[in-house]
Amino acid sequence: MKPIKLPAVSAAPNYSSVDPLDGRYYDPEIAKYLSEESRIAFQAYVEAALAHALAEFGVCPPEVAAEIEAASGKVTAAAVAEQEKTTKHDVKALVNCIKAEVSEAAKPYVHFGATSYDIVATALSLQLRLAVTELVIPRLVELEKALLKLTKEYANTVQVGRTHGQHAVPVTFGFAMAEYVARLGGSISSLQVLSGKLKGKFSGAVGAYNALSLFVEDPPKFEKTVLGYLNLEPAPYSTQIIPAEYYVRLLDELAVTAGIMANLAHDMRHLQRSEIGEVREAFEPGQTGSSTMAHKRNPWNFENVISMSKQVTAQLVNANQNLVSEHQRDLTDSASARFYGVSLAAVASMAQRLNRVMSKLEVDQANMERNLYMSGGAIAAEPLYLLLEKYGHTTAHEVSKALAHTALEQKKTLYEIASHDKDIADYFAKFTDAERKILQEPEKHYTGLAAQKALAIHDHWQKALED
């Protein structure tokens, strides 16, 4: 069989559509893999694989299989939809469209021995796998590259760390970016594995190979042959459908991936706040932040990513409900499973948008430094109490807290307050010059292993991408 050739898609959004993915957020590259046209193409491709397996087992001549494959490549979603008006059955409509393109000799072998979900379920697995490996993962890799660049470039650029929205202790901006390099890299690896675990089936109406047993001696071998043309493995157990957990696990990882990107977008959005101003989305000529407040530069791309992630999470709820199917199957998943593509489309859209913004991110190092010094060295409260304890003070944490609050209230540096405090003078006198420097300028001397960790993560994931 030739590799599947996906149908051409429109380059323009459909403004009459209901789903924003086909309107405001339309992307022809996404549509190539996840549109109704492509869904039909994948199903027709499975029908072609069946024909070749029939020929391999001597059920039909090889030229019939070639004829069915050629006809399958001509089927359009519009033609199937027109047929479905009569059949009231989507797969029968597909079969009729293929039969209309083949000779009388070939007609009996179209869909021969198959039940609808041998085709539908297998095609869904093939579609999702290709969409993940050829669309979603490549876009995530591009985002990962942008984050790797930021990690290395700003590995030594000191930034105040924040916990609970408050100044904590210093890190570096590269260290902050390395978090997302590592997390996103983990998701990319998981998506590769989980997409590879999607299964196919060709086991008949209840999964017991009833129909196949009429014309082949080894039905499981026939199933493997059909799926072998598609580079899929059969599910260890299937009813009329493939168990939903394979899809659920993939969609779960997509939700994790979306959450990681949303977390990054949240961080960048907050760092773009007017009173913080450490990063900015690039602002293009003619771009408008507000229809009335002309001065604004809104973090709208980051907000879009956060908003889009909610749709991925919503689809996870949908998919989990499909884990239940009565006996050998019911139809309660037939409509809901068609929405699985939303997760892939949303993650692909998020990755592309976030990559576009992070690749051009404006980093304001002056504002980072300003914010870093905002607390007047009070962020050295942690090393102060640890050094006091080192030299024997028994209530060091309470003392350090009181001194830090005094420094903030009096708008003096923590070092100035601590170095003149009589109650800790005996302990303070024991501090080495290096220890005093940490308290004097924690912004320079108390960044831990932030830079080293950032570069180590950069090197690890850079190598992982190259491999």
Protein backbone atom coordinates (compact mmCIF):
# COMPACT_ATOMS: atom_id res chain seq x y z
CA MET A 1 0.00 0.00 0.00
CA LYS A 2 1.05 3.55 -0.66
CA PRO A 3 1.28 5.91 2.36
CA ILE A 4 -1.97 7.66 3.10
CA LYS A 5 -2.46 10.86 1.16
CA LEU A 6 -4.58 13.24 3.18
CA PRO A 7 -7.05 15.41 1.28
CA ALA A 8 -6.40 19.06 0.56
CA VAL A 9 -8.09 21.45 2.94
CA SER A 10 -9.27 25.01 2.64
CA ALA A 11 -6.76 27.73 3.43
CA ALA A 12 -9.51 29.92 4.86
CA PRO A 13 -11.68 29.55 7.98
CA ASN A 14 -15.38 28.89 7.70
CA TYR A 15 -17.20 31.80 9.28
CA SER A 16 -20.48 29.88 9.19
CA SER A 17 -19.06 27.19 11.47
CA VAL A 18 -20.19 26.57 15.03
CA ASP A 19 -16.85 25.41 16.45
CA PRO A 20 -14.27 28.24 16.90
CA LEU A 21 -11.59 25.77 15.76
CA ASP A 22 -13.16 26.01 12.32
CA GLY A 23 -13.65 29.76 12.53
CA ARG A 24 -11.57 32.10 14.68
CA TYR A 25 -8.90 29.51 15.44
CA TYR A 26 -8.86 27.75 12.10
CA ASP A 27 -5.50 26.34 11.07
CA PRO A 28 -5.20 24.47 7.75
CA GLU A 29 -2.32 22.35 9.02
CA ILE A 30 -4.49 21.16 11.90
CA ALA A 31 -7.40 20.59 9.51
CA LYS A 32 -5.15 18.43 7.36
CA TYR A 33 -5.10 15.81 10.12
CA LEU A 34 -8.28 16.41 12.09
CA SER A 35 -10.98 17.62 9.71
CA GLU A 36 -14.04 15.64 8.61
CA GLU A 37 -12.31 15.17 5.25
CA SER A 38 -9.31 13.56 6.93
CA ARG A 39 -11.51 11.37 9.14
CA ILE A 40 -13.15 9.94 6.04
CA ALA A 41 -9.75 9.53 4.37
CA PHE A 42 -8.40 7.51 7.28
CA GLN A 43 -11.47 5.26 7.26
CA ALA A 44 -11.17 4.70 3.51
CA TYR A 45 -7.49 3.89 4.00
CA VAL A 46 -8.42 1.16 6.49
CA GLU A 47 -10.84 -0.24 3.89
CA ALA A 48 -7.91 -0.38 1.46
CA ALA A 49 -5.76 -2.21 4.04
CA LEU A 50 -8.57 -4.75 4.44
CA ALA A 51 -8.63 -5.36 0.68
CA HIS A 52 -4.89 -6.03 0.60
CA ALA A 53 -5.18 -8.47 3.51
CA LEU A 54 -8.00 -10.25 1.66
CA ALA A 55 -5.71 -10.59 -1.32
CA GLU A 56 -2.83 -11.80 0.82
CA PHE A 57 -5.07 -14.55 2.24
CA GLY A 58 -6.31 -15.52 -1.21
CA VAL A 59 -9.86 -14.32 -0.68
CA CYS A 60 -9.69 -11.89 -3.61
CA PRO A 61 -7.21 -11.28 -6.46
CA PRO A 62 -4.42 -8.73 -5.91
CA GLU A 63 -5.74 -6.57 -8.77
CA VAL A 64 -9.04 -6.23 -6.88
CA ALA A 65 -7.17 -4.99 -3.81
CA ALA A 66 -5.32 -2.45 -5.96
CA GLU A 67 -8.60 -1.32 -7.47
CA ILE A 68 -10.20 -0.86 -4.03
CA GLU A 69 -7.16 1.06 -2.79
CA ALA A 70 -7.35 3.42 -5.75
CA ALA A 71 -11.08 3.93 -5.24
CA SER A 72 -10.60 4.55 -1.51
CA GLY A 73 -8.25 7.40 -2.30
CA LYS A 74 -10.96 9.16 -4.30
CA VAL A 75 -13.64 9.25 -1.60
CA THR A 76 -14.68 12.67 -0.33
CA ALA A 77 -16.49 13.70 2.81
CA ALA A 78 -19.10 15.49 0.71
CA ALA A 79 -19.90 12.32 -1.23
CA VAL A 80 -20.17 10.27 1.95
CA ALA A 81 -22.43 12.88 3.54
CA GLU A 82 -24.69 12.79 0.50
CA GLN A 83 -24.88 8.99 0.65
CA GLU A 84 -25.62 9.10 4.36
CA LYS A 85 -28.84 10.98 3.65
CA THR A 86 -30.08 7.67 2.22
CA THR A 87 -28.26 5.07 4.33
CA LYS A 88 -28.61 6.88 7.67
CA HIS A 89 -25.34 5.07 8.44
CA ASP A 90 -21.97 6.73 7.96
CA VAL A 91 -19.84 3.63 7.31
CA LYS A 92 -22.36 2.14 4.88
CA ALA A 93 -22.29 5.48 3.09
CA LEU A 94 -18.49 5.25 2.89
CA VAL A 95 -18.70 1.70 1.56
CA ASN A 96 -21.23 2.75 -1.10
CA CYS A 97 -18.92 5.56 -2.23
CA ILE A 98 -16.01 3.15 -2.65
CA LYS A 99 -18.17 0.60 -4.47
CA ALA A 100 -19.30 3.29 -6.89
CA GLU A 101 -15.67 3.63 -8.06
CA VAL A 102 -14.80 -0.06 -8.58
CA SER A 103 -15.71 -2.76 -11.08
CA GLU A 104 -18.48 -5.28 -10.54
CA ALA A 105 -15.84 -7.91 -9.83
CA ALA A 106 -14.39 -5.84 -7.00
CA LYS A 107 -17.63 -4.69 -5.36
CA PRO A 108 -18.19 -7.82 -3.17
CA TYR A 109 -14.81 -7.37 -1.49
CA VAL A 110 -15.31 -3.78 -0.32
CA HIS A 111 -15.72 -3.98 3.47
CA PHE A 112 -15.78 -7.79 3.19
CA GLY A 113 -15.91 -9.41 6.65
CA ALA A 114 -15.81 -6.10 8.48
CA THR A 115 -18.08 -4.54 11.06
CA SER A 116 -18.33 -0.76 11.11
CA TYR A 117 -16.08 -0.27 14.11
CA ASP A 118 -13.34 -2.46 12.73
CA ILE A 119 -13.00 0.48 10.37
CA VAL A 120 -13.99 3.42 12.59
CA ALA A 121 -12.01 2.49 15.70
CA THR A 122 -8.91 1.51 13.76
CA ALA A 123 -9.06 4.67 11.66
CA LEU A 124 -9.41 6.79 14.81
CA SER A 125 -6.25 5.25 16.30
CA LEU A 126 -4.37 5.82 13.06
CA GLN A 127 -5.61 9.39 12.78
CA LEU A 128 -4.75 10.33 16.36
CA ARG A 129 -1.33 8.71 16.14
CA LEU A 130 -0.36 10.54 12.97
CA ALA A 131 -1.78 13.82 14.26
CA VAL A 132 0.28 13.51 17.45
CA THR A 133 3.52 12.46 15.75
CA GLU A 134 3.34 14.70 12.68
CA LEU A 135 1.50 17.76 14.03
CA VAL A 136 1.42 18.05 17.82
CA ILE A 137 4.89 16.81 18.75
CA PRO A 138 6.74 18.82 16.07
CA ARG A 139 5.04 22.00 17.31
CA LEU A 140 5.89 21.17 20.91
CA VAL A 141 9.49 20.56 19.88
CA GLU A 142 9.65 24.02 18.31
CA LEU A 143 8.37 25.52 21.56
CA GLU A 144 10.91 23.46 23.48
CA LYS A 145 13.68 24.92 21.30
CA ALA A 146 12.52 28.46 22.07
CA LEU A 147 12.55 27.71 25.79
CA LEU A 148 15.98 26.10 25.53
CA LYS A 149 17.31 29.27 23.93
CA LEU A 150 15.89 31.43 26.73
CA THR A 151 17.24 29.04 29.37
CA LYS A 152 20.78 29.28 28.07
CA GLU A 153 20.70 32.99 27.28
CA TYR A 154 19.42 33.98 30.72
CA ALA A 155 21.00 31.23 32.85
CA ASN A 156 22.92 33.87 34.83
CA THR A 157 20.37 36.70 34.74
CA VAL A 158 19.30 37.06 38.35
CA GLN A 159 15.60 37.41 39.06
CA VAL A 160 13.77 37.42 42.35
CA GLY A 161 12.06 34.12 43.03
CA ARG A 162 8.41 34.27 44.00
CA THR A 163 6.26 32.01 46.14
CA HIS A 164 2.63 32.84 46.96
CA GLY A 165 3.11 35.91 44.77
CA GLN A 166 5.67 37.29 47.24
CA HIS A 167 9.39 37.85 46.91
CA ALA A 168 11.22 34.72 48.04
CA VAL A 169 14.95 34.22 47.38
CA PRO A 170 16.88 34.92 44.18
CA VAL A 171 16.93 32.58 41.19
CA THR A 172 17.79 33.30 37.57
CA PHE A 173 15.42 33.82 34.67
CA GLY A 174 17.11 30.92 32.90
CA PHE A 175 16.37 28.73 35.90
CA ALA A 176 12.70 29.75 35.70
CA MET A 177 12.63 28.82 32.00
CA ALA A 178 14.40 25.52 32.69
CA GLU A 179 11.38 24.37 34.68
CA TYR A 180 9.29 24.41 31.53
CA VAL A 181 12.01 22.88 29.40
CA ALA A 182 12.07 19.88 31.72
CA ARG A 183 8.31 19.59 32.14
CA LEU A 184 7.50 20.04 28.47
CA GLY A 185 10.28 17.65 27.50
CA GLY A 186 8.74 15.01 29.73
CA SER A 187 5.35 15.44 28.08
CA ILE A 188 6.84 15.22 24.60
CA SER A 189 8.44 11.91 25.55
CA SER A 190 5.19 10.61 27.05
CA LEU A 191 3.16 11.62 23.99
CA GLN A 192 5.57 9.73 21.76
CA VAL A 193 5.12 6.59 23.85
CA LEU A 194 1.34 6.84 24.30
CA SER A 195 0.61 7.59 20.65
CA GLY A 196 2.63 4.51 19.78
CA LYS A 197 0.42 2.42 22.05
CA LEU A 198 -2.83 3.21 20.24
CA LYS A 199 -4.34 -0.03 18.98
CA GLY A 200 -6.42 -1.22 16.06
CA LYS A 201 -8.93 -4.03 15.70
CA PHE A 202 -10.42 -6.34 13.12
CA SER A 203 -12.30 -8.79 15.29
CA GLY A 204 -15.89 -8.34 14.20
CA ALA A 205 -19.20 -7.31 15.65
CA VAL A 206 -18.57 -8.51 19.22
CA GLY A 207 -14.80 -8.98 19.08
CA ALA A 208 -14.93 -12.79 18.85
CA TYR A 209 -13.91 -13.06 15.16
CA ASN A 210 -17.26 -14.63 14.23
CA ALA A 211 -17.38 -13.36 10.64
CA LEU A 212 -13.68 -13.93 9.98
CA SER A 213 -14.02 -17.55 11.05
CA LEU A 214 -16.20 -18.16 7.99
CA PHE A 215 -13.45 -17.50 5.45
CA VAL A 216 -10.00 -17.63 7.10
CA GLU A 217 -8.44 -20.37 9.22
CA ASP A 218 -6.53 -18.01 11.51
CA PRO A 219 -8.63 -14.87 12.25
CA PRO A 220 -6.12 -13.30 14.69
CA LYS A 221 -3.41 -13.64 12.02
CA PHE A 222 -5.73 -11.97 9.51
CA GLU A 223 -6.33 -9.14 11.99
CA LYS A 224 -2.59 -8.64 12.39
CA THR A 225 -2.19 -8.61 8.64
CA VAL A 226 -4.82 -5.88 8.14
CA LEU A 227 -3.33 -3.78 10.90
CA GLY A 228 0.21 -4.44 9.69
CA TYR A 229 -0.54 -2.41 6.57
CA LEU A 230 -1.36 0.47 8.95
CA ASN A 231 1.59 -0.08 11.28
CA LEU A 232 -0.81 -0.70 14.16
CA GLU A 233 -0.98 -3.59 16.62
CA PRO A 234 -4.27 -5.24 17.57
CA ALA A 235 -5.75 -4.56 20.98
CA PRO A 236 -5.14 -7.56 23.26
CA TYR A 237 -8.89 -7.63 23.79
CA SER A 238 -11.61 -5.85 21.89
CA THR A 239 -15.37 -6.05 21.70
CA GLN A 240 -17.04 -4.27 18.83
CA ILE A 241 -14.84 -1.35 19.87
CA ILE A 242 -11.29 -0.81 21.09
CA PRO A 243 -11.27 -0.23 24.86
CA ALA A 244 -11.32 3.51 25.51
CA GLU A 245 -8.37 3.59 27.91
CA TYR A 246 -5.82 3.84 25.10
CA TYR A 247 -7.41 7.09 23.99
CA VAL A 248 -7.99 8.31 27.54
CA ARG A 249 -4.34 7.90 28.48
CA LEU A 250 -3.25 9.85 25.42
CA LEU A 251 -5.80 12.60 26.04
CA ASP A 252 -4.74 12.70 29.69
CA GLU A 253 -1.15 13.43 28.67
CA LEU A 254 -2.40 16.08 26.26
CA ALA A 255 -4.23 17.68 29.19
CA VAL A 256 -1.00 17.58 31.21
CA THR A 257 0.85 19.17 28.29
CA ALA A 258 -1.79 21.87 27.99
CA GLY A 259 -1.56 22.50 31.73
CA ILE A 260 2.22 22.94 31.53
CA MET A 261 1.86 25.45 28.72
CA ALA A 262 -0.91 27.25 30.62
CA ASN A 263 1.34 27.41 33.69
CA LEU A 264 4.10 28.99 31.62
CA ALA A 265 1.60 31.43 30.14
CA HIS A 266 0.35 32.33 33.64
CA ASP A 267 3.90 33.08 34.76
CA MET A 268 4.65 35.22 31.72
CA ARG A 269 1.32 37.03 32.02
CA HIS A 270 2.03 37.98 35.64
CA LEU A 271 5.59 39.06 34.84
CA GLN A 272 4.09 41.38 32.23
CA ARG A 273 1.97 43.21 34.81
CA SER A 274 2.55 46.97 34.71
CA GLU A 275 3.99 47.06 38.23
CA ILE A 276 6.36 44.15 37.49
CA GLY A 277 7.26 44.60 33.83
CA GLU A 278 9.98 41.96 33.62
CA VAL A 279 8.83 40.52 30.28
CA ARG A 280 6.59 41.63 27.42
CA GLU A 281 4.95 40.10 24.41
CA ALA A 282 6.38 41.70 21.31
CA PHE A 283 3.98 44.37 20.00
CA GLU A 284 3.64 44.58 16.26
CA PRO A 285 2.93 47.75 14.21
CA GLY A 286 -0.80 48.36 14.04
CA GLN A 287 -1.55 46.03 16.94
CA THR A 288 -4.15 47.24 19.47
CA GLY A 289 -4.18 46.38 23.15
CA SER A 290 -7.55 47.92 23.96
CA SER A 291 -10.35 49.46 21.93
CA THR A 292 -10.50 52.39 24.36
CA MET A 293 -7.26 52.45 26.42
CA ALA A 294 -4.72 53.14 23.71
CA HIS A 295 -1.70 52.80 25.98
CA LYS A 296 -2.25 49.12 26.79
CA ARG A 297 -0.09 46.19 25.68
CA ASN A 298 -2.16 43.25 26.81
CA PRO A 299 -0.67 39.75 27.24
CA TRP A 300 -3.41 38.42 24.99
CA ASN A 301 -1.48 35.51 23.51
CA PHE A 302 -0.62 34.17 26.95
CA GLU A 303 -4.25 34.57 27.97
CA ASN A 304 -5.38 32.71 24.85
CA VAL A 305 -3.13 29.78 25.76
CA ILE A 306 -4.55 29.67 29.28
CA SER A 307 -8.09 29.80 27.93
CA MET A 308 -7.49 27.13 25.29
CA SER A 309 -6.13 24.72 27.91
CA LYS A 310 -9.59 24.58 29.49
CA GLN A 311 -10.95 22.95 26.35
CA VAL A 312 -8.32 20.21 26.57
CA THR A 313 -9.28 19.51 30.17
CA ALA A 314 -12.95 19.44 29.20
CA GLN A 315 -12.29 16.77 26.59
CA LEU A 316 -10.57 14.63 29.21
CA VAL A 317 -13.85 14.52 31.14
CA ASN A 318 -15.61 13.55 27.91
CA ALA A 319 -13.12 10.77 27.15
CA ASN A 320 -13.26 9.28 30.64
CA GLN A 321 -17.00 8.90 30.36
CA ASN A 322 -16.42 6.70 27.31
CA LEU A 323 -14.64 4.09 29.44
CA VAL A 324 -18.08 2.59 30.08
CA SER A 325 -19.73 0.77 27.19
CA GLU A 326 -22.51 -1.75 27.83
CA HIS A 327 -21.62 -5.41 27.18
CA GLN A 328 -19.96 -5.75 23.75
CA ARG A 329 -20.75 -2.08 23.02
CA ASP A 330 -23.43 0.54 22.92
CA LEU A 331 -23.59 3.76 20.95
CA THR A 332 -22.99 6.16 23.83
CA ASP A 333 -19.48 6.98 22.59
CA SER A 334 -20.28 7.34 18.90
CA ALA A 335 -20.79 11.10 19.03
CA SER A 336 -18.54 12.00 21.98
CA ALA A 337 -15.49 10.19 20.57
CA ARG A 338 -15.62 12.46 17.52
CA PHE A 339 -14.56 15.32 19.78
CA TYR A 340 -11.21 13.74 20.71
CA GLY A 341 -9.56 15.75 17.97
CA VAL A 342 -10.33 18.96 19.88
CA SER A 343 -7.61 18.08 22.40
CA LEU A 344 -4.99 17.58 19.71
CA ALA A 345 -6.07 20.68 17.82
CA ALA A 346 -6.03 22.83 20.95
CA VAL A 347 -2.59 21.62 22.08
CA ALA A 348 -1.19 22.15 18.58
CA SER A 349 -2.67 25.65 18.50
CA MET A 350 -1.36 26.48 21.98
CA ALA A 351 2.14 25.24 21.15
CA GLN A 352 2.36 27.27 17.97
CA ARG A 353 1.06 30.45 19.60
CA LEU A 354 3.29 30.09 22.65
CA ASN A 355 6.32 29.35 20.48
CA ARG A 356 5.63 32.47 18.43
CA VAL A 357 5.50 34.64 21.56
CA MET A 358 8.36 33.04 23.49
CA SER A 359 10.64 33.22 20.44
CA LYS A 360 10.23 37.01 20.43
CA LEU A 361 9.85 37.55 24.18
CA GLU A 362 11.13 40.92 25.35
CA VAL A 363 13.03 40.47 28.62
CA ASP A 364 13.52 43.66 30.65
CA GLN A 365 16.64 42.98 32.71
CA ALA A 366 16.57 46.47 34.20
CA ASN A 367 13.14 45.84 35.67
CA MET A 368 14.27 42.44 36.91
CA GLU A 369 17.10 44.14 38.75
CA ARG A 370 14.80 46.86 40.08
CA ASN A 371 12.37 44.30 41.47
CA LEU A 372 15.21 42.25 42.86
CA TYR A 373 16.42 45.19 44.98
CA MET A 374 12.89 46.28 45.91
CA SER A 375 12.96 44.59 49.32
CA GLY A 376 16.26 46.17 50.33
CA GLY A 377 17.94 42.85 50.92
CA ALA A 378 15.14 41.48 53.12
CA ILE A 379 15.28 38.40 50.92
CA ALA A 380 18.44 37.56 52.86
CA ALA A 381 16.33 36.65 55.89
CA GLU A 382 16.79 32.96 55.09
CA PRO A 383 20.61 32.96 55.03
CA LEU A 384 20.65 35.26 58.08
CA TYR A 385 18.72 32.81 60.24
CA LEU A 386 20.71 29.84 58.95
CA LEU A 387 24.01 31.58 59.74
CA LEU A 388 22.78 32.54 63.21
CA GLU A 389 21.85 28.91 63.83
CA LYS A 390 25.23 27.84 62.49
CA TYR A 391 26.88 29.84 65.23
CA GLY A 392 24.57 28.60 68.00
CA HIS A 393 21.57 30.94 68.16
CA THR A 394 18.53 29.01 69.43
CA THR A 395 15.71 31.27 68.15
CA ALA A 396 17.33 32.37 64.93
CA HIS A 397 14.23 32.16 62.74
CA GLU A 398 12.15 34.41 64.99
CA VAL A 399 14.98 36.93 65.26
CA SER A 400 15.58 36.96 61.51
CA LYS A 401 11.87 37.46 60.86
CA ALA A 402 11.69 40.39 63.27
CA LEU A 403 14.78 42.04 61.80
CA ALA A 404 13.52 41.61 58.23
CA HIS A 405 10.15 43.17 59.07
CA THR A 406 11.91 46.06 60.83
CA ALA A 407 14.07 46.64 57.75
CA LEU A 408 11.03 46.71 55.49
CA GLU A 409 9.12 49.05 57.78
CA GLN A 410 12.05 51.45 58.17
CA LYS A 411 12.99 51.14 54.48
CA LYS A 412 16.52 50.15 55.40
CA THR A 413 18.55 47.16 54.26
CA LEU A 414 18.40 43.98 56.30
CA TYR A 415 22.19 44.02 56.59
CA GLU A 416 22.11 47.53 58.06
CA ILE A 417 19.52 46.54 60.67
CA ALA A 418 21.13 43.19 61.52
CA SER A 419 24.69 44.52 61.75
CA HIS A 420 23.61 47.10 64.34
CA ASP A 421 21.41 44.82 66.42
CA LYS A 422 22.98 44.37 69.87
CA ASP A 423 21.12 41.13 70.64
CA ILE A 424 22.87 39.22 67.86
CA ALA A 425 26.17 41.13 67.89
CA ASP A 426 28.17 38.23 69.37
CA TYR A 427 26.90 35.85 66.70
CA PHE A 428 27.22 38.40 63.91
CA ALA A 429 30.88 38.94 64.79
CA LYS A 430 31.58 35.30 63.89
CA PHE A 431 30.34 35.65 60.31
CA THR A 432 33.05 35.33 57.66
CA ASP A 433 33.57 37.95 54.98
CA ALA A 434 31.92 35.65 52.42
CA GLU A 435 28.92 35.17 54.72
CA ARG A 436 28.60 38.91 55.22
CA LYS A 437 28.65 39.44 51.45
CA ILE A 438 25.65 37.12 51.15
CA LEU A 439 23.73 39.31 53.57
CA GLN A 440 24.93 42.54 51.97
CA GLU A 441 24.09 41.52 48.43
CA PRO A 442 21.94 38.40 48.34
CA GLU A 443 21.01 39.41 44.80
CA LYS A 444 24.55 38.51 43.71
CA HIS A 445 25.72 35.94 46.24
CA TYR A 446 22.63 33.89 47.16
CA THR A 447 21.38 32.33 43.96
CA GLY A 448 22.27 28.78 44.93
CA LEU A 449 22.73 26.49 41.95
CA ALA A 450 20.14 28.26 39.79
CA ALA A 451 22.52 28.97 36.91
CA GLN A 452 24.18 25.56 37.02
CA LYS A 453 20.83 23.78 37.20
CA ALA A 454 19.49 25.80 34.28
CA LEU A 455 22.46 24.91 32.11
CA ALA A 456 22.36 21.24 33.12
CA ILE A 457 18.70 21.00 32.16
CA HIS A 458 19.42 22.86 28.93
CA ASP A 459 22.19 20.43 27.99
CA HIS A 460 20.12 17.36 28.86
CA TRP A 461 17.09 18.32 26.81
CA GLN A 462 19.13 19.80 23.98
CA LYS A 463 20.81 16.42 23.64
CA ALA A 464 17.43 14.65 23.89
CA LEU A 465 16.13 16.68 20.93
CA GLU A 466 19.23 15.94 18.88
CA ASP A 467 18.94 12.21 19.61
